[in-house]
Amino acid sequence: MKMKMKTSKAGFSLVEVIVAVSVLVITSTMMLTGYTQYRRNATLKQTDEAIAMTIRQAQAYGLSTRTLYGIGVSGYGVHFIKSSANYYLFADNDGSAGNKKYDDGIDEIVNTYSISTGDSIIDLCGDGDCINNSLTTADIVFTRPNPIVKLTGDGILVPDFASIHVIVQSLDGQTKTIKIYKFLL
């Protein structure tokens, strides 16, 4: 007696499985590469937004009647240090007019902000010119009742600068420039 083997036409051939797996691998690789780039951009944007919010907070404090320990303050500002992962919200405590810059030991640090994403402030520039106007420190100070920001670079009030640029760099070398203008737009 001869036995007949029943063959089934259902299922996938080896070639079909290999093609399907190859398409899946290629698609996954493209998605992971795009996600990594997206994540890097997102952390740099997060740092940018945190710095911008701190500057807005200093503006709100400076233009309001906010006091520090019950004592009136002439203004509030943000202090940046080149090659640092920290920046500071401070109260300008130098008398009734203030000196529109951060003085260590005299002015009160309201809050210290650390850039937790691994990014850092790599450069500070006056008017965006990092060759001729590179700064070690930069201060942005708001005093009442005047909404015009006071820009200080390396401890000197710089009336000629229309802006100060804070350049932030991510771990992989991408940079983002935060521009602070003397006149708020």
Protein backbone atom coordinates (compact mmCIF):
# COMPACT_ATOMS: atom_id res chain seq x y z
CA MET A 1 0.00 0.00 0.00
CA LYS A 2 1.26 3.33 -1.03
CA MET A 3 0.86 6.22 1.35
CA LYS A 4 0.14 9.64 0.06
CA MET A 5 1.55 12.53 1.96
CA LYS A 6 -0.75 15.42 2.24
CA THR A 7 0.98 18.64 1.32
CA SER A 8 -0.38 21.91 2.47
CA LYS A 9 -0.21 25.11 0.50
CA ALA A 10 -0.87 27.22 3.60
CA GLY A 11 1.97 29.06 5.39
CA PHE A 12 4.96 31.13 4.37
CA SER A 13 7.98 30.19 2.38
CA LEU A 14 11.46 30.84 3.72
CA VAL A 15 11.99 33.68 1.23
CA GLU A 16 8.81 35.44 2.39
CA VAL A 17 9.87 35.20 6.04
CA ILE A 18 13.35 36.57 5.25
CA VAL A 19 11.89 39.52 3.31
CA ALA A 20 9.41 40.32 6.10
CA VAL A 21 12.10 40.21 8.79
CA SER A 22 14.42 42.36 6.65
CA VAL A 23 11.74 45.02 6.20
CA LEU A 24 11.06 44.98 9.94
CA VAL A 25 14.78 45.37 10.79
CA ILE A 26 15.27 48.25 8.33
CA THR A 27 12.18 50.08 9.59
CA SER A 28 13.21 49.62 13.24
CA THR A 29 16.72 50.91 12.54
CA MET A 30 15.35 54.03 10.85
CA MET A 31 12.97 54.67 13.73
CA LEU A 32 15.65 54.24 16.41
CA THR A 33 18.03 56.57 14.57
CA GLY A 34 15.32 59.20 14.27
CA TYR A 35 14.35 58.79 17.92
CA THR A 36 17.92 59.30 19.10
CA GLN A 37 18.16 62.55 17.12
CA TYR A 38 14.75 63.63 18.41
CA ARG A 39 15.82 62.95 22.01
CA ARG A 40 19.02 65.02 21.62
CA ASN A 41 17.06 67.94 20.19
CA ALA A 42 14.43 67.64 22.93
CA THR A 43 16.97 67.89 25.77
CA LEU A 44 18.60 70.96 24.22
CA LYS A 45 15.18 72.55 23.76
CA GLN A 46 14.32 71.72 27.38
CA THR A 47 17.47 73.53 28.55
CA ASP A 48 16.66 76.50 26.32
CA GLU A 49 13.12 76.75 27.70
CA ALA A 50 14.29 76.44 31.32
CA ILE A 51 16.73 79.33 30.88
CA ALA A 52 14.05 81.43 29.16
CA MET A 53 11.61 80.75 32.01
CA THR A 54 14.20 81.80 34.59
CA ILE A 55 14.77 85.08 32.73
CA ARG A 56 11.00 85.65 32.65
CA GLN A 57 10.84 84.91 36.36
CA ALA A 58 13.56 87.52 37.04
CA GLN A 59 11.60 89.99 34.90
CA ALA A 60 8.38 89.35 36.84
CA TYR A 61 10.19 89.70 40.19
CA GLY A 62 12.07 92.82 39.08
CA LEU A 63 8.98 94.63 37.86
CA SER A 64 6.85 93.68 40.84
CA THR A 65 7.09 94.82 44.45
CA ARG A 66 8.56 91.51 45.56
CA THR A 67 10.72 91.77 48.67
CA LEU A 68 13.43 89.52 49.99
CA TYR A 69 13.21 88.78 53.73
CA GLY A 70 10.84 91.76 54.06
CA ILE A 71 13.37 94.19 52.56
CA GLY A 72 12.81 95.94 49.23
CA VAL A 73 15.15 94.91 46.43
CA SER A 74 16.23 97.19 43.59
CA GLY A 75 16.00 94.46 40.97
CA TYR A 76 16.27 90.81 40.09
CA GLY A 77 18.47 89.17 37.52
CA VAL A 78 20.02 86.03 36.11
CA HIS A 79 23.77 85.41 36.36
CA PHE A 80 25.52 83.16 33.83
CA ILE A 81 29.07 81.78 33.96
CA LYS A 82 30.85 80.55 30.84
CA SER A 83 31.72 76.81 30.81
CA SER A 84 29.23 76.04 33.56
CA ALA A 85 26.19 73.85 33.99
CA ASN A 86 24.71 76.25 36.57
CA TYR A 87 23.07 79.67 36.40
CA TYR A 88 21.57 81.79 39.17
CA LEU A 89 18.47 83.89 39.85
CA PHE A 90 19.62 86.69 42.17
CA ALA A 91 18.34 89.77 44.00
CA ASP A 92 20.37 92.94 43.36
CA ASN A 93 20.87 94.16 46.94
CA ASP A 94 23.31 97.02 46.32
CA GLY A 95 21.34 99.94 47.76
CA SER A 96 18.21 101.57 46.45
CA ALA A 97 19.38 101.80 42.82
CA GLY A 98 21.38 98.58 42.70
CA ASN A 99 24.41 98.23 40.46
CA LYS A 100 22.70 96.05 37.82
CA LYS A 101 25.13 93.15 38.17
CA TYR A 102 25.72 90.15 40.39
CA ASP A 103 28.15 90.72 43.28
CA ASP A 104 29.23 87.54 45.05
CA GLY A 105 28.74 87.89 48.79
CA ILE A 106 26.58 91.01 48.51
CA ASP A 107 23.67 90.02 46.29
CA GLU A 108 21.36 87.25 47.42
CA ILE A 109 21.03 84.12 45.30
CA VAL A 110 17.31 83.37 45.18
CA ASN A 111 17.72 80.10 43.31
CA THR A 112 20.51 78.05 41.73
CA TYR A 113 19.59 76.21 38.55
CA SER A 114 21.55 73.20 37.36
CA ILE A 115 21.25 72.01 33.80
CA SER A 116 20.42 68.37 34.43
CA THR A 117 20.31 67.22 30.81
CA GLY A 118 24.11 67.13 30.51
CA ASP A 119 24.14 70.34 28.49
CA SER A 120 26.37 73.25 29.48
CA ILE A 121 26.84 76.94 28.80
CA ILE A 122 29.86 77.02 26.50
CA ASP A 123 29.97 80.71 25.57
CA LEU A 124 28.56 84.12 26.41
CA CYS A 125 28.72 86.88 23.80
CA GLY A 126 27.84 90.52 23.50
CA ASP A 127 25.75 91.22 20.38
CA GLY A 128 26.39 87.67 19.17
CA ASP A 129 30.06 88.42 18.41
CA CYS A 130 31.90 85.67 20.28
CA ILE A 131 35.28 86.64 18.81
CA ASN A 132 35.48 90.31 19.81
CA ASN A 133 32.87 90.32 22.59
CA SER A 134 33.34 86.97 24.34
CA LEU A 135 32.39 87.18 28.01
CA THR A 136 33.27 85.13 31.08
CA THR A 137 30.13 86.14 32.98
CA ALA A 138 26.87 87.78 31.94
CA ASP A 139 24.06 89.30 33.98
CA ILE A 140 20.55 90.19 32.86
CA VAL A 141 18.90 92.49 35.42
CA PHE A 142 15.36 93.89 35.62
CA THR A 143 14.70 96.92 37.82
CA ARG A 144 11.45 98.67 38.60
CA PRO A 145 9.69 100.55 37.25
CA ASN A 146 11.65 100.41 34.00
CA PRO A 147 10.98 97.36 31.80
CA ILE A 148 14.26 97.83 29.92
CA VAL A 149 16.71 95.08 30.77
CA LYS A 150 20.21 95.95 31.98
CA LEU A 151 22.93 93.82 30.38
CA THR A 152 26.23 93.31 32.18
CA GLY A 153 29.22 91.44 30.81
CA ASP A 154 32.23 90.50 32.95
CA GLY A 155 30.92 92.73 35.74
CA ILE A 156 30.71 95.87 33.57
CA LEU A 157 27.44 97.48 32.50
CA VAL A 158 27.63 97.38 28.71
CA PRO A 159 25.31 100.05 27.30
CA ASP A 160 26.62 99.48 23.78
CA PHE A 161 25.42 95.88 23.62
CA ALA A 162 21.94 95.46 22.22
CA SER A 163 21.92 91.81 23.28
CA ILE A 164 23.73 89.06 25.13
CA HIS A 165 23.82 85.58 23.65
CA VAL A 166 24.02 82.50 25.85
CA ILE A 167 25.27 79.51 23.87
CA VAL A 168 24.35 76.09 25.23
CA GLN A 169 25.91 72.86 23.99
CA SER A 170 24.60 69.32 24.33
CA LEU A 171 26.75 66.28 25.09
CA ASP A 172 26.92 65.39 21.40
CA GLY A 173 28.09 68.87 20.33
CA GLN A 174 24.84 70.43 19.13
CA THR A 175 24.45 74.09 20.10
CA LYS A 176 21.54 76.41 20.75
CA THR A 177 21.81 80.19 21.14
CA ILE A 178 19.54 82.04 23.56
CA LYS A 179 19.38 85.74 22.67
CA ILE A 180 18.45 88.29 25.33
CA TYR A 181 17.75 91.74 23.91
CA LYS A 182 17.94 95.03 25.78
CA PHE A 183 14.42 95.87 24.61
CA LEU A 184 11.91 93.08 25.00
CA LEU A 185 10.25 92.28 21.70
